[in-house]
Amino acid sequence: MHLLLRWVLNALALLAVAYIIPGFHVASFYTALIVALILGIINAVIRPILLILTLPVTILTLGLFALILNALLILFVSTIVKGFSIDGFGAAFMGGTLLWLIAWATGAFLKEERGPHA
């Protein structure tokens, strides 16, 4: 149930980011669900590998390169999913940063909802 709730919240976050960030376009809630699913899979499988491969750059930039990596992964997903488009790297970077903030806040809320030791 927790995973399903997180998936729907991420889709809603994508819609919110598309509303706020110019150049970040999501056609529908259904598209947002697909993007959230694919982005979740990529973040679970590919992102850790890329973070390890780029660890020296990430350390040199004090972790800021991870935000660039997020933007690149979002741009990659926009080439896969029809109805999800991003006008450029700037929109992907701002959208990725906002998505990260929303995910951090919802993650803290869901953790608190389940209890302090869950």
C-alpha atoms as a PDB file:
ATOM      1  CA  MET A   1       0.000   0.000   0.000  1.00  0.00           C
ATOM      2  CA  HIS A   2       2.868   2.359   0.852  1.00  0.00           C
ATOM      3  CA  LEU A   3       4.474   1.796  -2.565  1.00  0.00           C
ATOM      4  CA  LEU A   4       1.203   2.516  -4.374  1.00  0.00           C
ATOM      5  CA  LEU A   5       0.693   5.721  -2.373  1.00  0.00           C
ATOM      6  CA  ARG A   6       4.237   6.867  -3.139  1.00  0.00           C
ATOM      7  CA  TRP A   7       3.691   6.147  -6.859  1.00  0.00           C
ATOM      8  CA  VAL A   8       0.509   8.255  -6.956  1.00  0.00           C
ATOM      9  CA  LEU A   9       2.156  11.065  -4.955  1.00  0.00           C
ATOM     10  CA  ASN A  10       5.091  11.107  -7.385  1.00  0.00           C
ATOM     11  CA  ALA A  11       2.658  11.330 -10.316  1.00  0.00           C
ATOM     12  CA  LEU A  12       0.884  14.239  -8.630  1.00  0.00           C
ATOM     13  CA  ALA A  13       4.283  15.857  -8.002  1.00  0.00           C
ATOM     14  CA  LEU A  14       5.056  15.570 -11.715  1.00  0.00           C
ATOM     15  CA  LEU A  15       1.802  17.346 -12.536  1.00  0.00           C
ATOM     16  CA  ALA A  16       2.593  20.072 -10.003  1.00  0.00           C
ATOM     17  CA  VAL A  17       6.087  20.556 -11.425  1.00  0.00           C
ATOM     18  CA  ALA A  18       4.635  20.750 -14.948  1.00  0.00           C
ATOM     19  CA  TYR A  19       2.306  23.490 -13.702  1.00  0.00           C
ATOM     20  CA  ILE A  20       5.113  25.452 -12.006  1.00  0.00           C
ATOM     21  CA  ILE A  21       8.163  25.006 -14.272  1.00  0.00           C
ATOM     22  CA  PRO A  22       7.990  26.421 -17.802  1.00  0.00           C
ATOM     23  CA  GLY A  23       9.227  23.919 -20.381  1.00  0.00           C
ATOM     24  CA  PHE A  24       8.232  20.884 -18.290  1.00  0.00           C
ATOM     25  CA  HIS A  25       5.178  19.269 -19.905  1.00  0.00           C
ATOM     26  CA  VAL A  26       3.023  16.334 -18.766  1.00  0.00           C
ATOM     27  CA  ALA A  27      -0.023  15.607 -20.948  1.00  0.00           C
ATOM     28  CA  SER A  28      -2.260  13.867 -18.391  1.00  0.00           C
ATOM     29  CA  PHE A  29      -2.438  12.107 -15.049  1.00  0.00           C
ATOM     30  CA  TYR A  30      -2.110   8.776 -16.864  1.00  0.00           C
ATOM     31  CA  THR A  31       1.108  10.021 -18.482  1.00  0.00           C
ATOM     32  CA  ALA A  32       2.323  11.202 -15.072  1.00  0.00           C
ATOM     33  CA  LEU A  33       1.683   7.709 -13.649  1.00  0.00           C
ATOM     34  CA  ILE A  34       3.736   6.134 -16.448  1.00  0.00           C
ATOM     35  CA  VAL A  35       6.555   8.663 -16.026  1.00  0.00           C
ATOM     36  CA  ALA A  36       6.567   8.145 -12.244  1.00  0.00           C
ATOM     37  CA  LEU A  37       6.774   4.373 -12.740  1.00  0.00           C
ATOM     38  CA  ILE A  38       9.601   4.520 -15.284  1.00  0.00           C
ATOM     39  CA  LEU A  39      11.480   7.173 -13.328  1.00  0.00           C
ATOM     40  CA  GLY A  40      11.127   5.074 -10.174  1.00  0.00           C
ATOM     41  CA  ILE A  41      12.539   2.009 -11.918  1.00  0.00           C
ATOM     42  CA  ILE A  42      15.415   4.007 -13.401  1.00  0.00           C
ATOM     43  CA  ASN A  43      16.157   5.612 -10.028  1.00  0.00           C
ATOM     44  CA  ALA A  44      16.176   2.191  -8.372  1.00  0.00           C
ATOM     45  CA  VAL A  45      18.286   0.366 -10.983  1.00  0.00           C
ATOM     46  CA  ILE A  46      20.358   2.706 -13.146  1.00  0.00           C
ATOM     47  CA  ARG A  47      20.889   5.754 -10.903  1.00  0.00           C
ATOM     48  CA  PRO A  48      22.924   3.907  -8.213  1.00  0.00           C
ATOM     49  CA  ILE A  49      25.274   2.578 -10.888  1.00  0.00           C
ATOM     50  CA  LEU A  50      25.702   6.043 -12.390  1.00  0.00           C
ATOM     51  CA  LEU A  51      26.279   7.549  -8.938  1.00  0.00           C
ATOM     52  CA  ILE A  52      29.077   5.075  -8.270  1.00  0.00           C
ATOM     53  CA  LEU A  53      30.652   5.707 -11.685  1.00  0.00           C
ATOM     54  CA  THR A  54      30.518   9.474 -11.171  1.00  0.00           C
ATOM     55  CA  LEU A  55      31.467   9.431  -7.487  1.00  0.00           C
ATOM     56  CA  PRO A  56      34.698  11.461  -7.915  1.00  0.00           C
ATOM     57  CA  VAL A  57      32.830  14.254  -9.726  1.00  0.00           C
ATOM     58  CA  THR A  58      30.036  14.124  -7.149  1.00  0.00           C
ATOM     59  CA  ILE A  59      32.563  14.463  -4.319  1.00  0.00           C
ATOM     60  CA  LEU A  60      34.366  17.353  -6.063  1.00  0.00           C
ATOM     61  CA  THR A  61      31.081  19.219  -6.531  1.00  0.00           C
ATOM     62  CA  LEU A  62      29.975  18.471  -2.957  1.00  0.00           C
ATOM     63  CA  GLY A  63      27.043  16.411  -4.186  1.00  0.00           C
ATOM     64  CA  LEU A  64      25.670  18.922  -6.683  1.00  0.00           C
ATOM     65  CA  PHE A  65      26.494  16.624  -9.601  1.00  0.00           C
ATOM     66  CA  ALA A  66      23.738  14.311  -8.339  1.00  0.00           C
ATOM     67  CA  LEU A  67      21.229  17.037  -9.287  1.00  0.00           C
ATOM     68  CA  ILE A  68      22.709  17.156 -12.799  1.00  0.00           C
ATOM     69  CA  LEU A  69      22.424  13.384 -12.989  1.00  0.00           C
ATOM     70  CA  ASN A  70      18.749  13.635 -11.950  1.00  0.00           C
ATOM     71  CA  ALA A  71      18.131  16.163 -14.720  1.00  0.00           C
ATOM     72  CA  LEU A  72      19.801  13.916 -17.297  1.00  0.00           C
ATOM     73  CA  LEU A  73      17.708  10.935 -16.206  1.00  0.00           C
ATOM     74  CA  ILE A  74      14.533  13.007 -16.457  1.00  0.00           C
ATOM     75  CA  LEU A  75      15.563  14.129 -19.951  1.00  0.00           C
ATOM     76  CA  PHE A  76      16.135  10.468 -20.825  1.00  0.00           C
ATOM     77  CA  VAL A  77      12.649   9.499 -19.624  1.00  0.00           C
ATOM     78  CA  SER A  78      11.170  12.338 -21.685  1.00  0.00           C
ATOM     79  CA  THR A  79      12.571  10.663 -24.814  1.00  0.00           C
ATOM     80  CA  ILE A  80      10.841   7.393 -23.910  1.00  0.00           C
ATOM     81  CA  VAL A  81       7.337   8.426 -22.780  1.00  0.00           C
ATOM     82  CA  LYS A  82       4.934  10.011 -25.240  1.00  0.00           C
ATOM     83  CA  GLY A  83       3.105  12.947 -23.668  1.00  0.00           C
ATOM     84  CA  PHE A  84       6.054  13.882 -21.434  1.00  0.00           C
ATOM     85  CA  SER A  85       8.406  16.488 -22.826  1.00  0.00           C
ATOM     86  CA  ILE A  86      11.039  18.836 -21.538  1.00  0.00           C
ATOM     87  CA  ASP A  87      12.205  21.858 -23.510  1.00  0.00           C
ATOM     88  CA  GLY A  88      15.820  21.809 -22.341  1.00  0.00           C
ATOM     89  CA  PHE A  89      18.346  21.024 -19.669  1.00  0.00           C
ATOM     90  CA  GLY A  90      17.376  24.069 -17.579  1.00  0.00           C
ATOM     91  CA  ALA A  91      13.767  22.938 -17.311  1.00  0.00           C
ATOM     92  CA  ALA A  92      14.927  19.390 -16.518  1.00  0.00           C
ATOM     93  CA  PHE A  93      17.297  20.687 -13.825  1.00  0.00           C
ATOM     94  CA  MET A  94      14.696  22.930 -12.179  1.00  0.00           C
ATOM     95  CA  GLY A  95      12.019  20.240 -12.480  1.00  0.00           C
ATOM     96  CA  GLY A  96      14.322  17.547 -11.102  1.00  0.00           C
ATOM     97  CA  THR A  97      15.305  19.733  -8.169  1.00  0.00           C
ATOM     98  CA  LEU A  98      11.662  20.524  -7.393  1.00  0.00           C
ATOM     99  CA  LEU A  99      10.725  16.834  -7.729  1.00  0.00           C
ATOM    100  CA  TRP A 100      13.531  15.950  -5.323  1.00  0.00           C
ATOM    101  CA  LEU A 101      12.240  18.500  -2.787  1.00  0.00           C
ATOM    102  CA  ILE A 102       8.674  17.228  -3.090  1.00  0.00           C
ATOM    103  CA  ALA A 103       9.814  13.592  -2.785  1.00  0.00           C
ATOM    104  CA  TRP A 104      11.886  14.492   0.277  1.00  0.00           C
ATOM    105  CA  ALA A 105       8.910  16.206   1.923  1.00  0.00           C
ATOM    106  CA  THR A 106       6.431  13.434   1.111  1.00  0.00           C
ATOM    107  CA  GLY A 107       8.960  10.818   2.209  1.00  0.00           C
ATOM    108  CA  ALA A 108       9.360  12.552   5.561  1.00  0.00           C
ATOM    109  CA  PHE A 109       5.572  12.817   5.895  1.00  0.00           C
ATOM    110  CA  LEU A 110       5.002   9.145   5.028  1.00  0.00           C
ATOM    111  CA  LYS A 111       7.754   8.047   7.396  1.00  0.00           C
ATOM    112  CA  GLU A 112       6.223  10.119  10.191  1.00  0.00           C
ATOM    113  CA  GLU A 113       2.764   8.733   9.355  1.00  0.00           C
ATOM    114  CA  ARG A 114       4.006   5.128   9.669  1.00  0.00           C
ATOM    115  CA  GLY A 115       5.735   5.885  12.942  1.00  0.00           C
ATOM    116  CA  PRO A 116       9.224   6.954  13.983  1.00  0.00           C
ATOM    117  CA  HIS A 117      10.723   3.452  13.741  1.00  0.00           C
ATOM    118  CA  ALA A 118       9.072   2.243  10.544  1.00  0.00           C
END
